[in-house]
Amino acid sequence: MTVNERLFTAGLLGHWYAAIEAGQREAAIALLKQVEMSEEGAAATVDAVLADPSKYGFPRPS
């Protein structure tokens, strides 16, 4: 299951998009941890998305 699928199934996908779009690193990490991602994996995923959001389909946070 992909990260987006896990977040969708848990009802957290909208919160994930909002956290990323707002550049809220800690909130995004907390969401990934809720879908059983490790602290290290969650941090690495969020850092990658925030470093180049357009690569992952997001606008750059303002």
N, C-alpha and C. Protein backbone atom coordinates (compact mmCIF):
# COMPACT_ATOMS: atom_id res chain seq x y z
N MET A 1 0.85 -1.17 0.00
CA MET A 1 0.00 0.00 0.00
C MET A 1 0.90 1.24 0.00
N THR A 2 0.59 2.19 -0.85
CA THR A 2 1.38 3.43 -0.90
C THR A 2 1.07 4.31 0.31
N VAL A 3 1.90 5.30 0.54
CA VAL A 3 1.67 6.25 1.63
C VAL A 3 0.33 6.93 1.43
N ASN A 4 0.04 7.40 0.22
CA ASN A 4 -1.24 8.07 -0.03
C ASN A 4 -2.41 7.13 0.21
N GLU A 5 -2.28 5.87 -0.16
CA GLU A 5 -3.35 4.91 0.09
C GLU A 5 -3.56 4.70 1.59
N ARG A 6 -2.46 4.62 2.34
CA ARG A 6 -2.58 4.47 3.80
C ARG A 6 -3.26 5.69 4.41
N LEU A 7 -2.85 6.87 3.98
CA LEU A 7 -3.44 8.10 4.51
C LEU A 7 -4.92 8.19 4.14
N PHE A 8 -5.26 7.83 2.90
CA PHE A 8 -6.65 7.87 2.46
C PHE A 8 -7.50 6.91 3.30
N THR A 9 -7.02 5.69 3.46
CA THR A 9 -7.75 4.67 4.21
C THR A 9 -7.99 5.12 5.65
N ALA A 10 -7.02 5.82 6.22
CA ALA A 10 -7.13 6.30 7.60
C ALA A 10 -7.92 7.61 7.70
N GLY A 11 -8.34 8.16 6.56
CA GLY A 11 -9.08 9.42 6.57
C GLY A 11 -8.20 10.63 6.82
N LEU A 12 -6.91 10.50 6.51
CA LEU A 12 -5.95 11.57 6.82
C LEU A 12 -5.36 12.24 5.58
N LEU A 13 -5.78 11.84 4.41
CA LEU A 13 -5.15 12.37 3.19
C LEU A 13 -5.31 13.88 3.08
N GLY A 14 -6.48 14.41 3.36
CA GLY A 14 -6.69 15.86 3.31
C GLY A 14 -5.80 16.60 4.29
N HIS A 15 -5.63 16.02 5.47
CA HIS A 15 -4.76 16.63 6.48
C HIS A 15 -3.30 16.62 6.01
N TRP A 16 -2.91 15.53 5.35
CA TRP A 16 -1.55 15.41 4.80
C TRP A 16 -1.30 16.50 3.76
N TYR A 17 -2.24 16.65 2.81
CA TYR A 17 -2.09 17.69 1.80
C TYR A 17 -2.00 19.07 2.44
N ALA A 18 -2.85 19.33 3.42
CA ALA A 18 -2.85 20.64 4.08
C ALA A 18 -1.53 20.89 4.80
N ALA A 19 -1.01 19.88 5.49
CA ALA A 19 0.25 20.05 6.21
C ALA A 19 1.40 20.31 5.25
N ILE A 20 1.45 19.57 4.16
CA ILE A 20 2.53 19.76 3.18
C ILE A 20 2.40 21.13 2.52
N GLU A 21 1.21 21.49 2.10
CA GLU A 21 1.02 22.78 1.43
C GLU A 21 1.36 23.95 2.35
N ALA A 22 1.17 23.77 3.66
CA ALA A 22 1.49 24.82 4.63
C ALA A 22 2.94 24.74 5.11
N GLY A 23 3.67 23.72 4.66
CA GLY A 23 5.06 23.56 5.07
C GLY A 23 5.20 23.15 6.53
N GLN A 24 4.19 22.48 7.07
CA GLN A 24 4.19 22.08 8.48
C GLN A 24 4.85 20.71 8.63
N ARG A 25 6.16 20.72 8.75
CA ARG A 25 6.95 19.49 8.79
C ARG A 25 6.52 18.56 9.92
N GLU A 26 6.46 19.05 11.14
CA GLU A 26 6.15 18.19 12.29
C GLU A 26 4.74 17.60 12.19
N ALA A 27 3.78 18.39 11.71
CA ALA A 27 2.42 17.88 11.55
C ALA A 27 2.39 16.77 10.50
N ALA A 28 3.12 16.96 9.41
CA ALA A 28 3.16 15.95 8.35
C ALA A 28 3.82 14.66 8.86
N ILE A 29 4.88 14.79 9.63
CA ILE A 29 5.54 13.61 10.20
C ILE A 29 4.57 12.88 11.13
N ALA A 30 3.86 13.61 11.96
CA ALA A 30 2.91 13.00 12.89
C ALA A 30 1.83 12.22 12.13
N LEU A 31 1.39 12.74 11.01
CA LEU A 31 0.38 12.04 10.22
C LEU A 31 0.92 10.73 9.67
N LEU A 32 2.15 10.76 9.18
CA LEU A 32 2.73 9.53 8.64
C LEU A 32 2.96 8.49 9.74
N LYS A 33 3.30 8.95 10.92
CA LYS A 33 3.47 8.02 12.03
C LYS A 33 2.14 7.37 12.40
N GLN A 34 1.03 8.08 12.18
CA GLN A 34 -0.29 7.51 12.47
C GLN A 34 -0.63 6.35 11.53
N VAL A 35 0.00 6.30 10.38
CA VAL A 35 -0.24 5.19 9.45
C VAL A 35 0.94 4.21 9.49
N GLU A 36 1.54 4.13 10.67
CA GLU A 36 2.55 3.13 10.99
C GLU A 36 3.84 3.26 10.21
N MET A 37 4.23 4.49 9.91
CA MET A 37 5.53 4.72 9.33
C MET A 37 6.48 5.06 10.48
N SER A 38 7.72 4.60 10.40
CA SER A 38 8.69 4.88 11.46
C SER A 38 9.01 6.37 11.50
N GLU A 39 9.52 6.83 12.61
CA GLU A 39 9.93 8.24 12.77
C GLU A 39 10.94 8.62 11.68
N GLU A 40 11.92 7.76 11.46
CA GLU A 40 12.95 8.04 10.47
C GLU A 40 12.39 8.05 9.05
N GLY A 41 11.55 7.08 8.74
CA GLY A 41 10.93 7.02 7.42
C GLY A 41 10.01 8.19 7.17
N ALA A 42 9.24 8.55 8.20
CA ALA A 42 8.32 9.69 8.07
C ALA A 42 9.09 10.97 7.85
N ALA A 43 10.14 11.19 8.63
CA ALA A 43 10.94 12.41 8.49
C ALA A 43 11.58 12.49 7.11
N ALA A 44 12.13 11.37 6.65
CA ALA A 44 12.77 11.36 5.33
C ALA A 44 11.76 11.64 4.22
N THR A 45 10.57 11.06 4.33
CA THR A 45 9.53 11.28 3.32
C THR A 45 9.10 12.74 3.30
N VAL A 46 8.82 13.30 4.48
CA VAL A 46 8.38 14.69 4.56
C VAL A 46 9.48 15.62 4.06
N ASP A 47 10.72 15.39 4.45
CA ASP A 47 11.82 16.25 4.01
C ASP A 47 11.97 16.21 2.49
N ALA A 48 11.81 15.04 1.90
CA ALA A 48 11.90 14.92 0.44
C ALA A 48 10.79 15.70 -0.24
N VAL A 49 9.58 15.57 0.27
CA VAL A 49 8.44 16.27 -0.33
C VAL A 49 8.59 17.79 -0.16
N LEU A 50 9.00 18.23 1.02
CA LEU A 50 9.15 19.67 1.25
C LEU A 50 10.33 20.26 0.46
N ALA A 51 11.35 19.46 0.20
CA ALA A 51 12.51 19.94 -0.57
C ALA A 51 12.15 20.20 -2.03
N ASP A 52 11.25 19.38 -2.58
CA ASP A 52 10.85 19.53 -3.98
C ASP A 52 9.39 19.13 -4.14
N PRO A 53 8.48 19.96 -3.60
CA PRO A 53 7.05 19.60 -3.60
C PRO A 53 6.49 19.35 -5.00
N SER A 54 6.97 20.07 -6.00
CA SER A 54 6.42 19.90 -7.35
C SER A 54 6.70 18.50 -7.90
N LYS A 55 7.78 17.89 -7.46
CA LYS A 55 8.11 16.52 -7.87
C LYS A 55 7.03 15.54 -7.41
N TYR A 56 6.36 15.89 -6.32
CA TYR A 56 5.34 15.03 -5.75
C TYR A 56 3.93 15.55 -5.98
N GLY A 57 3.79 16.52 -6.88
CA GLY A 57 2.48 17.01 -7.27
C GLY A 57 1.93 18.12 -6.39
N PHE A 58 2.77 18.73 -5.56
CA PHE A 58 2.33 19.82 -4.69
C PHE A 58 2.88 21.16 -5.19
N PRO A 59 2.16 22.22 -4.93
CA PRO A 59 2.77 23.54 -5.16
C PRO A 59 3.81 23.78 -4.07
N ARG A 60 4.77 24.62 -4.35
CA ARG A 60 5.77 24.95 -3.32
C ARG A 60 5.08 25.68 -2.19
N PRO A 61 5.34 25.24 -0.90
CA PRO A 61 4.70 25.93 0.23
C PRO A 61 5.02 27.42 0.26
N SER A 62 4.07 28.23 0.71
CA SER A 62 4.29 29.68 0.77
C SER A 62 4.89 30.09 2.08
